[in-house]
Amino acid sequence: MGVFRRISDIISANLNEITEQFEDPEKMLKQAVREMEDSISEVTGQTAKAMANEKTLTRELQRNRAQHQQWQDRAEKAVEAGDDDLARKALARKNEHQKVVEALEDQLESAREASQTLKRQLAGMKAKLAEAKRNLASLSARKRAADFRKKMDSQAAGLTTDVNDNAFAKF
């Protein structure tokens, strides 16, 4: 069993080495930034939907509260007019709207919490994206500087050998 494990480790190490040769950190960071931007656009859409749902529930709640009050007023007017049957019907409708109002209040609270959570997540994702972009800019600048230094060193080394070769050739 030890032989198979060692062979597996050797193959794995060689494959990792080959993969790392083709791996460019700058390209990988750019890809990560693109993926983060895609995620942010998706979460932005979800946040907008949650906020729209919250506004819709708010309007629906206000409408049902108004109807609740209207049926209360109608029941009071029916009692004043002496029409008990109409007052009972109005109170029954008022109770229906009261139940709807209570359910909508619960839904609205849940929608507000979801909306706030999504807003916080979106802000955190945007902060991480800004940090990743700063890291990408820093890495790119360091890579360009290293490439320039490498190019200058190779040119300086090339000039030195060319001058010496020309001098010896003339001699």
N, C-alpha and C. Protein backbone atom coordinates (compact mmCIF):
# COMPACT_ATOMS: atom_id res chain seq x y z
N MET A 1 0.80 -1.19 0.00
CA MET A 1 0.00 0.00 0.00
C MET A 1 0.85 1.26 0.00
N GLY A 2 1.99 1.25 0.65
CA GLY A 2 2.86 2.41 0.72
C GLY A 2 3.37 2.83 -0.65
N VAL A 3 3.58 1.87 -1.54
CA VAL A 3 4.08 2.16 -2.88
C VAL A 3 3.02 2.94 -3.66
N PHE A 4 1.76 2.51 -3.58
CA PHE A 4 0.69 3.19 -4.30
C PHE A 4 0.49 4.61 -3.78
N ARG A 5 0.63 4.76 -2.49
CA ARG A 5 0.49 6.10 -1.89
C ARG A 5 1.61 7.02 -2.37
N ARG A 6 2.82 6.50 -2.44
CA ARG A 6 3.96 7.31 -2.90
C ARG A 6 3.79 7.67 -4.37
N ILE A 7 3.34 6.71 -5.18
CA ILE A 7 3.12 6.98 -6.61
C ILE A 7 2.03 8.04 -6.77
N SER A 8 0.99 7.91 -5.99
CA SER A 8 -0.09 8.89 -6.03
C SER A 8 0.42 10.27 -5.66
N ASP A 9 1.25 10.37 -4.63
CA ASP A 9 1.82 11.65 -4.21
C ASP A 9 2.71 12.24 -5.30
N ILE A 10 3.50 11.41 -5.96
CA ILE A 10 4.39 11.89 -7.01
C ILE A 10 3.58 12.41 -8.19
N ILE A 11 2.57 11.67 -8.59
CA ILE A 11 1.72 12.11 -9.71
C ILE A 11 1.01 13.41 -9.34
N SER A 12 0.48 13.48 -8.14
CA SER A 12 -0.20 14.69 -7.69
C SER A 12 0.74 15.88 -7.66
N ALA A 13 1.95 15.69 -7.16
CA ALA A 13 2.93 16.77 -7.10
C ALA A 13 3.29 17.25 -8.50
N ASN A 14 3.47 16.32 -9.42
CA ASN A 14 3.82 16.70 -10.79
C ASN A 14 2.67 17.44 -11.48
N LEU A 15 1.45 16.98 -11.28
CA LEU A 15 0.30 17.67 -11.86
C LEU A 15 0.14 19.07 -11.28
N ASN A 16 0.34 19.20 -9.98
CA ASN A 16 0.26 20.52 -9.36
C ASN A 16 1.34 21.45 -9.91
N GLU A 17 2.54 20.92 -10.12
CA GLU A 17 3.63 21.73 -10.66
C GLU A 17 3.30 22.22 -12.06
N ILE A 18 2.76 21.34 -12.89
CA ILE A 18 2.37 21.72 -14.25
C ILE A 18 1.28 22.79 -14.21
N THR A 19 0.30 22.61 -13.35
CA THR A 19 -0.80 23.56 -13.23
C THR A 19 -0.28 24.92 -12.78
N GLU A 20 0.62 24.94 -11.82
CA GLU A 20 1.15 26.20 -11.31
C GLU A 20 1.96 26.95 -12.35
N GLN A 21 2.57 26.23 -13.29
CA GLN A 21 3.33 26.90 -14.34
C GLN A 21 2.40 27.72 -15.24
N PHE A 22 1.19 27.24 -15.45
CA PHE A 22 0.25 27.95 -16.32
C PHE A 22 -0.60 28.96 -15.56
N GLU A 23 -0.53 28.94 -14.27
CA GLU A 23 -1.35 29.80 -13.44
C GLU A 23 -0.76 31.21 -13.41
N ASP A 24 -1.57 32.20 -13.74
CA ASP A 24 -1.16 33.60 -13.67
C ASP A 24 -1.99 34.27 -12.58
N PRO A 25 -1.36 34.70 -11.49
CA PRO A 25 -2.13 35.28 -10.37
C PRO A 25 -2.98 36.49 -10.79
N GLU A 26 -2.44 37.29 -11.70
CA GLU A 26 -3.18 38.47 -12.13
C GLU A 26 -4.46 38.06 -12.86
N LYS A 27 -4.36 37.09 -13.75
CA LYS A 27 -5.54 36.62 -14.47
C LYS A 27 -6.55 35.99 -13.53
N MET A 28 -6.05 35.24 -12.56
CA MET A 28 -6.96 34.60 -11.61
C MET A 28 -7.69 35.64 -10.76
N LEU A 29 -6.97 36.69 -10.36
CA LEU A 29 -7.59 37.75 -9.58
C LEU A 29 -8.62 38.51 -10.44
N LYS A 30 -8.30 38.73 -11.70
CA LYS A 30 -9.28 39.37 -12.60
C LYS A 30 -10.54 38.52 -12.72
N GLN A 31 -10.37 37.22 -12.82
CA GLN A 31 -11.52 36.32 -12.90
C GLN A 31 -12.33 36.38 -11.62
N ALA A 32 -11.66 36.42 -10.49
CA ALA A 32 -12.37 36.52 -9.20
C ALA A 32 -13.15 37.82 -9.14
N VAL A 33 -12.57 38.92 -9.63
CA VAL A 33 -13.27 40.20 -9.64
C VAL A 33 -14.52 40.12 -10.53
N ARG A 34 -14.37 39.50 -11.70
CA ARG A 34 -15.53 39.34 -12.59
C ARG A 34 -16.63 38.53 -11.91
N GLU A 35 -16.26 37.47 -11.23
CA GLU A 35 -17.25 36.65 -10.54
C GLU A 35 -17.91 37.43 -9.40
N MET A 36 -17.13 38.24 -8.71
CA MET A 36 -17.70 39.06 -7.65
C MET A 36 -18.68 40.07 -8.23
N GLU A 37 -18.34 40.68 -9.35
CA GLU A 37 -19.24 41.64 -9.98
C GLU A 37 -20.54 40.96 -10.41
N ASP A 38 -20.45 39.75 -10.93
CA ASP A 38 -21.66 39.00 -11.30
C ASP A 38 -22.52 38.73 -10.08
N SER A 39 -21.88 38.33 -8.99
CA SER A 39 -22.63 38.05 -7.75
C SER A 39 -23.29 39.32 -7.23
N ILE A 40 -22.58 40.43 -7.32
CA ILE A 40 -23.15 41.70 -6.84
C ILE A 40 -24.35 42.09 -7.67
N SER A 41 -24.28 41.90 -8.98
CA SER A 41 -25.43 42.27 -9.81
C SER A 41 -26.63 41.37 -9.48
N GLU A 42 -26.37 40.10 -9.19
CA GLU A 42 -27.45 39.19 -8.82
C GLU A 42 -28.07 39.59 -7.49
N VAL A 43 -27.24 39.90 -6.51
CA VAL A 43 -27.75 40.30 -5.19
C VAL A 43 -28.45 41.65 -5.28
N THR A 44 -27.98 42.52 -6.16
CA THR A 44 -28.65 43.81 -6.35
C THR A 44 -30.06 43.60 -6.85
N GLY A 45 -30.24 42.67 -7.78
CA GLY A 45 -31.58 42.36 -8.27
C GLY A 45 -32.47 41.78 -7.18
N GLN A 46 -31.89 40.89 -6.38
CA GLN A 46 -32.66 40.30 -5.28
C GLN A 46 -33.04 41.37 -4.26
N THR A 47 -32.13 42.29 -4.00
CA THR A 47 -32.41 43.37 -3.05
C THR A 47 -33.52 44.26 -3.57
N ALA A 48 -33.47 44.58 -4.85
CA ALA A 48 -34.51 45.41 -5.45
C ALA A 48 -35.88 44.72 -5.36
N LYS A 49 -35.90 43.41 -5.61
CA LYS A 49 -37.16 42.67 -5.50
C LYS A 49 -37.68 42.68 -4.07
N ALA A 50 -36.77 42.52 -3.12
CA ALA A 50 -37.19 42.52 -1.70
C ALA A 50 -37.74 43.89 -1.30
N MET A 51 -37.09 44.94 -1.78
CA MET A 51 -37.57 46.29 -1.46
C MET A 51 -38.92 46.56 -2.12
N ALA A 52 -39.09 46.08 -3.35
CA ALA A 52 -40.38 46.25 -4.03
C ALA A 52 -41.48 45.48 -3.30
N ASN A 53 -41.15 44.27 -2.84
CA ASN A 53 -42.11 43.47 -2.08
C ASN A 53 -42.49 44.20 -0.79
N GLU A 54 -41.51 44.80 -0.15
CA GLU A 54 -41.78 45.54 1.09
C GLU A 54 -42.73 46.71 0.83
N LYS A 55 -42.52 47.43 -0.27
CA LYS A 55 -43.39 48.57 -0.59
C LYS A 55 -44.80 48.09 -0.94
N THR A 56 -44.88 46.99 -1.67
CA THR A 56 -46.19 46.44 -2.03
C THR A 56 -46.96 46.03 -0.77
N LEU A 57 -46.26 45.37 0.14
CA LEU A 57 -46.92 44.96 1.39
C LEU A 57 -47.34 46.17 2.21
N THR A 58 -46.54 47.22 2.20
CA THR A 58 -46.89 48.44 2.94
C THR A 58 -48.17 49.05 2.39
N ARG A 59 -48.26 49.14 1.06
CA ARG A 59 -49.48 49.70 0.44
C ARG A 59 -50.70 48.83 0.75
N GLU A 60 -50.52 47.51 0.66
CA GLU A 60 -51.62 46.59 0.93
C GLU A 60 -52.07 46.70 2.39
N LEU A 61 -51.12 46.85 3.28
CA LEU A 61 -51.44 47.00 4.70
C LEU A 61 -52.22 48.29 4.93
N GLN A 62 -51.78 49.38 4.32
CA GLN A 62 -52.49 50.66 4.48
C GLN A 62 -53.91 50.57 3.93
N ARG A 63 -54.06 49.90 2.79
CA ARG A 63 -55.38 49.75 2.18
C ARG A 63 -56.31 48.94 3.10
N ASN A 64 -55.78 47.87 3.68
CA ASN A 64 -56.61 47.04 4.57
C ASN A 64 -56.92 47.75 5.88
N ARG A 65 -56.00 48.54 6.37
CA ARG A 65 -56.29 49.33 7.59
C ARG A 65 -57.40 50.34 7.31
N ALA A 66 -57.35 50.95 6.14
CA ALA A 66 -58.39 51.92 5.78
C ALA A 66 -59.75 51.22 5.67
N GLN A 67 -59.78 50.04 5.05
CA GLN A 67 -61.04 49.30 4.93
C GLN A 67 -61.53 48.85 6.31
N HIS A 68 -60.60 48.47 7.17
CA HIS A 68 -60.95 48.09 8.55
C HIS A 68 -61.67 49.25 9.23
N GLN A 69 -61.12 50.44 9.07
CA GLN A 69 -61.72 51.63 9.68
C GLN A 69 -63.07 51.97 9.04
N GLN A 70 -63.17 51.78 7.73
CA GLN A 70 -64.45 52.05 7.05
C GLN A 70 -65.56 51.15 7.57
N TRP A 71 -65.24 49.86 7.74
CA TRP A 71 -66.26 48.94 8.24
C TRP A 71 -66.61 49.23 9.68
N GLN A 72 -65.66 49.72 10.46
CA GLN A 72 -65.93 50.13 11.84
C GLN A 72 -66.90 51.31 11.83
N ASP A 73 -66.64 52.28 10.96
CA ASP A 73 -67.52 53.45 10.86
C ASP A 73 -68.93 53.04 10.40
N ARG A 74 -68.99 52.13 9.43
CA ARG A 74 -70.29 51.66 8.95
C ARG A 74 -71.06 50.94 10.06
N ALA A 75 -70.34 50.15 10.85
CA ALA A 75 -71.00 49.43 11.95
C ALA A 75 -71.55 50.44 12.96
N GLU A 76 -70.80 51.48 13.26
CA GLU A 76 -71.27 52.50 14.22
C GLU A 76 -72.49 53.23 13.68
N LYS A 77 -72.47 53.54 12.38
CA LYS A 77 -73.62 54.23 11.78
C LYS A 77 -74.85 53.32 11.78
N ALA A 78 -74.64 52.02 11.53
CA ALA A 78 -75.77 51.07 11.53
C ALA A 78 -76.36 50.96 12.93
N VAL A 79 -75.52 50.98 13.96
CA VAL A 79 -76.02 50.92 15.34
C VAL A 79 -76.81 52.18 15.66
N GLU A 80 -76.29 53.33 15.22
CA GLU A 80 -76.99 54.60 15.46
C GLU A 80 -78.34 54.62 14.73
N ALA A 81 -78.37 53.98 13.54
CA ALA A 81 -79.62 53.94 12.78
C ALA A 81 -80.57 52.86 13.31
N GLY A 82 -80.06 51.98 14.20
CA GLY A 82 -80.91 50.95 14.78
C GLY A 82 -80.97 49.69 13.93
N ASP A 83 -80.10 49.55 12.96
CA ASP A 83 -80.08 48.36 12.09
C ASP A 83 -79.00 47.39 12.61
N ASP A 84 -79.43 46.52 13.54
CA ASP A 84 -78.47 45.59 14.17
C ASP A 84 -77.93 44.55 13.20
N ASP A 85 -78.76 44.10 12.27
CA ASP A 85 -78.31 43.10 11.30
C ASP A 85 -77.20 43.67 10.42
N LEU A 86 -77.36 44.86 9.95
CA LEU A 86 -76.34 45.51 9.13
C LEU A 86 -75.08 45.77 9.96
N ALA A 87 -75.25 46.11 11.23
CA ALA A 87 -74.10 46.35 12.12
C ALA A 87 -73.30 45.07 12.31
N ARG A 88 -74.00 43.92 12.49
CA ARG A 88 -73.29 42.65 12.63
C ARG A 88 -72.49 42.31 11.37
N LYS A 89 -73.09 42.52 10.20
CA LYS A 89 -72.39 42.25 8.94
C LYS A 89 -71.16 43.15 8.79
N ALA A 90 -71.32 44.41 9.16
CA ALA A 90 -70.20 45.35 9.08
C ALA A 90 -69.09 44.95 10.04
N LEU A 91 -69.46 44.51 11.23
CA LEU A 91 -68.45 44.08 12.21
C LEU A 91 -67.74 42.80 11.73
N ALA A 92 -68.49 41.92 11.07
CA ALA A 92 -67.87 40.70 10.54
C ALA A 92 -66.84 41.07 9.47
N ARG A 93 -67.20 42.00 8.59
CA ARG A 93 -66.25 42.44 7.56
C ARG A 93 -65.06 43.16 8.20
N LYS A 94 -65.34 43.92 9.26
CA LYS A 94 -64.25 44.61 9.98
C LYS A 94 -63.28 43.58 10.55
N ASN A 95 -63.80 42.50 11.12
CA ASN A 95 -62.96 41.45 11.70
C ASN A 95 -62.13 40.75 10.62
N GLU A 96 -62.73 40.54 9.45
CA GLU A 96 -61.99 39.93 8.34
C GLU A 96 -60.78 40.80 7.98
N HIS A 97 -61.03 42.09 7.87
CA HIS A 97 -59.93 43.00 7.52
C HIS A 97 -58.91 43.10 8.65
N GLN A 98 -59.36 42.96 9.88
CA GLN A 98 -58.43 42.98 11.01
C GLN A 98 -57.48 41.79 10.94
N LYS A 99 -58.00 40.62 10.59
CA LYS A 99 -57.15 39.42 10.45
C LYS A 99 -56.15 39.60 9.31
N VAL A 100 -56.63 40.18 8.21
CA VAL A 100 -55.73 40.43 7.08
C VAL A 100 -54.64 41.42 7.48
N VAL A 101 -55.02 42.45 8.24
CA VAL A 101 -54.05 43.45 8.69
C VAL A 101 -52.98 42.79 9.56
N GLU A 102 -53.39 41.92 10.46
CA GLU A 102 -52.43 41.24 11.34
C GLU A 102 -51.46 40.36 10.53
N ALA A 103 -52.01 39.65 9.56
CA ALA A 103 -51.16 38.79 8.72
C ALA A 103 -50.19 39.64 7.90
N LEU A 104 -50.69 40.75 7.36
CA LEU A 104 -49.83 41.62 6.56
C LEU A 104 -48.74 42.27 7.41
N GLU A 105 -49.06 42.58 8.66
CA GLU A 105 -48.04 43.17 9.54
C GLU A 105 -46.89 42.18 9.76
N ASP A 106 -47.22 40.91 9.95
CA ASP A 106 -46.18 39.89 10.10
C ASP A 106 -45.35 39.75 8.84
N GLN A 107 -46.04 39.72 7.70
CA GLN A 107 -45.33 39.59 6.42
C GLN A 107 -44.44 40.81 6.17
N LEU A 108 -44.95 41.99 6.52
CA LEU A 108 -44.17 43.21 6.31
C LEU A 108 -42.92 43.21 7.18
N GLU A 109 -43.05 42.75 8.39
CA GLU A 109 -41.88 42.69 9.28
C GLU A 109 -40.83 41.73 8.71
N SER A 110 -41.28 40.59 8.23
CA SER A 110 -40.36 39.63 7.62
C SER A 110 -39.71 40.22 6.37
N ALA A 111 -40.49 40.92 5.57
CA ALA A 111 -39.95 41.54 4.35
C ALA A 111 -38.93 42.61 4.68
N ARG A 112 -39.19 43.38 5.74
CA ARG A 112 -38.22 44.42 6.15
C ARG A 112 -36.91 43.79 6.60
N GLU A 113 -37.01 42.73 7.38
CA GLU A 113 -35.80 42.05 7.84
C GLU A 113 -35.01 41.48 6.67
N ALA A 114 -35.70 40.87 5.72
CA ALA A 114 -35.03 40.31 4.54
C ALA A 114 -34.38 41.42 3.72
N SER A 115 -35.08 42.51 3.57
CA SER A 115 -34.54 43.63 2.81
C SER A 115 -33.30 44.21 3.48
N GLN A 116 -33.35 44.37 4.78
CA GLN A 116 -32.19 44.91 5.52
C GLN A 116 -31.00 43.95 5.45
N THR A 117 -31.27 42.66 5.56
CA THR A 117 -30.20 41.66 5.47
C THR A 117 -29.54 41.71 4.10
N LEU A 118 -30.34 41.78 3.05
CA LEU A 118 -29.80 41.84 1.70
C LEU A 118 -29.01 43.13 1.48
N LYS A 119 -29.48 44.22 2.03
CA LYS A 119 -28.74 45.49 1.90
C LYS A 119 -27.38 45.40 2.57
N ARG A 120 -27.34 44.81 3.76
CA ARG A 120 -26.06 44.66 4.47
C ARG A 120 -25.12 43.74 3.70
N GLN A 121 -25.65 42.63 3.17
CA GLN A 121 -24.82 41.71 2.40
C GLN A 121 -24.29 42.39 1.14
N LEU A 122 -25.12 43.17 0.49
CA LEU A 122 -24.69 43.88 -0.71
C LEU A 122 -23.59 44.88 -0.40
N ALA A 123 -23.73 45.60 0.70
CA ALA A 123 -22.69 46.56 1.08
C ALA A 123 -21.37 45.83 1.39
N GLY A 124 -21.46 44.70 2.07
CA GLY A 124 -20.25 43.92 2.36
C GLY A 124 -19.59 43.39 1.09
N MET A 125 -20.42 42.94 0.15
CA MET A 125 -19.87 42.43 -1.11
C MET A 125 -19.20 43.54 -1.90
N LYS A 126 -19.78 44.73 -1.88
CA LYS A 126 -19.19 45.87 -2.59
C LYS A 126 -17.85 46.26 -1.96
N ALA A 127 -17.78 46.19 -0.64
CA ALA A 127 -16.52 46.50 0.04
C ALA A 127 -15.44 45.48 -0.33
N LYS A 128 -15.80 44.20 -0.37
CA LYS A 128 -14.84 43.17 -0.75
C LYS A 128 -14.40 43.33 -2.20
N LEU A 129 -15.32 43.74 -3.06
CA LEU A 129 -14.98 43.97 -4.47
C LEU A 129 -13.99 45.12 -4.59
N ALA A 130 -14.22 46.19 -3.85
CA ALA A 130 -13.29 47.33 -3.89
C ALA A 130 -11.90 46.89 -3.41
N GLU A 131 -11.86 46.08 -2.36
CA GLU A 131 -10.58 45.58 -1.86
C GLU A 131 -9.89 44.70 -2.90
N ALA A 132 -10.65 43.85 -3.56
CA ALA A 132 -10.08 42.98 -4.60
C ALA A 132 -9.53 43.80 -5.76
N LYS A 133 -10.23 44.86 -6.13
CA LYS A 133 -9.76 45.72 -7.21
C LYS A 133 -8.47 46.44 -6.81
N ARG A 134 -8.40 46.85 -5.55
CA ARG A 134 -7.15 47.49 -5.07
C ARG A 134 -6.00 46.49 -5.10
N ASN A 135 -6.27 45.27 -4.66
CA ASN A 135 -5.23 44.24 -4.70
C ASN A 135 -4.81 43.94 -6.14
N LEU A 136 -5.76 43.92 -7.05
CA LEU A 136 -5.45 43.68 -8.46
C LEU A 136 -4.57 44.79 -9.02
N ALA A 137 -4.90 46.02 -8.70
CA ALA A 137 -4.10 47.15 -9.18
C ALA A 137 -2.69 47.08 -8.60
N SER A 138 -2.59 46.76 -7.32
CA SER A 138 -1.28 46.64 -6.68
C SER A 138 -0.46 45.51 -7.30
N LEU A 139 -1.09 44.37 -7.49
CA LEU A 139 -0.40 43.23 -8.08
C LEU A 139 0.04 43.54 -9.50
N SER A 140 -0.82 44.18 -10.27
CA SER A 140 -0.47 44.53 -11.65
C SER A 140 0.71 45.49 -11.69
N ALA A 141 0.71 46.47 -10.82
CA ALA A 141 1.82 47.44 -10.78
C ALA A 141 3.12 46.75 -10.38
N ARG A 142 3.06 45.87 -9.40
CA ARG A 142 4.27 45.15 -8.98
C ARG A 142 4.77 44.24 -10.09
N LYS A 143 3.87 43.61 -10.81
CA LYS A 143 4.27 42.73 -11.91
C LYS A 143 4.92 43.52 -13.03
N ARG A 144 4.33 44.67 -13.38
CA ARG A 144 4.93 45.51 -14.43
C ARG A 144 6.32 45.99 -14.02
N ALA A 145 6.47 46.37 -12.76
CA ALA A 145 7.77 46.83 -12.27
C ALA A 145 8.79 45.69 -12.32
N ALA A 146 8.38 44.50 -11.93
CA ALA A 146 9.29 43.35 -11.96
C ALA A 146 9.67 43.00 -13.39
N ASP A 147 8.69 43.04 -14.30
CA ASP A 147 8.99 42.76 -15.71
C ASP A 147 9.95 43.79 -16.28
N PHE A 148 9.74 45.06 -15.93
CA PHE A 148 10.62 46.11 -16.41
C PHE A 148 12.05 45.92 -15.89
N ARG A 149 12.14 45.61 -14.58
CA ARG A 149 13.48 45.36 -13.99
C ARG A 149 14.15 44.17 -14.67
N LYS A 150 13.40 43.13 -14.91
CA LYS A 150 13.94 41.93 -15.56
C LYS A 150 14.41 42.27 -16.97
N LYS A 151 13.63 43.07 -17.68
CA LYS A 151 14.00 43.46 -19.04
C LYS A 151 15.25 44.32 -19.02
N MET A 152 15.31 45.24 -18.09
CA MET A 152 16.49 46.12 -18.01
C MET A 152 17.74 45.32 -17.64
N ASP A 153 17.58 44.38 -16.71
CA ASP A 153 18.73 43.54 -16.33
C ASP A 153 19.21 42.70 -17.50
N SER A 154 18.29 42.15 -18.26
CA SER A 154 18.69 41.32 -19.40
C SER A 154 19.32 42.17 -20.50
N GLN A 155 18.82 43.39 -20.68
CA GLN A 155 19.42 44.26 -21.68
C GLN A 155 20.82 44.70 -21.25
N ALA A 156 20.96 45.00 -19.96
CA ALA A 156 22.28 45.41 -19.47
C ALA A 156 23.27 44.26 -19.60
N ALA A 157 22.83 43.06 -19.31
CA ALA A 157 23.70 41.89 -19.43
C ALA A 157 24.04 41.65 -20.89
N GLY A 158 23.08 41.86 -21.78
CA GLY A 158 23.30 41.67 -23.21
C GLY A 158 24.27 42.70 -23.77
N LEU A 159 24.18 43.92 -23.30
CA LEU A 159 25.10 44.97 -23.77
C LEU A 159 26.52 44.70 -23.33
N THR A 160 26.69 44.25 -22.12
CA THR A 160 28.02 43.99 -21.59
C THR A 160 28.71 42.90 -22.40
N THR A 161 28.01 41.84 -22.69
CA THR A 161 28.64 40.75 -23.44
C THR A 161 28.89 41.16 -24.88
N ASP A 162 27.99 41.97 -25.46
CA ASP A 162 28.19 42.43 -26.83
C ASP A 162 29.41 43.33 -26.93
N VAL A 163 29.58 44.23 -25.99
CA VAL A 163 30.75 45.13 -26.00
C VAL A 163 32.02 44.32 -25.86
N ASN A 164 32.04 43.35 -24.93
CA ASN A 164 33.24 42.53 -24.75
C ASN A 164 33.52 41.68 -25.98
N ASP A 165 32.45 41.13 -26.59
CA ASP A 165 32.64 40.30 -27.79
C ASP A 165 33.17 41.13 -28.96
N ASN A 166 32.63 42.35 -29.08
CA ASN A 166 33.12 43.22 -30.18
C ASN A 166 34.58 43.61 -29.96
N ALA A 167 34.92 43.91 -28.72
CA ALA A 167 36.31 44.29 -28.44
C ALA A 167 37.25 43.15 -28.71
N PHE A 168 36.89 41.95 -28.31
CA PHE A 168 37.75 40.78 -28.56
C PHE A 168 37.77 40.43 -30.04
N ALA A 169 36.68 40.65 -30.73
CA ALA A 169 36.63 40.34 -32.16
C ALA A 169 37.57 41.29 -32.91
N LYS A 170 37.59 42.55 -32.52
CA LYS A 170 38.47 43.52 -33.17
C LYS A 170 39.93 43.18 -32.93
N PHE A 171 40.20 42.70 -31.73
CA PHE A 171 41.57 42.40 -31.37
C PHE A 171 42.08 41.26 -32.24
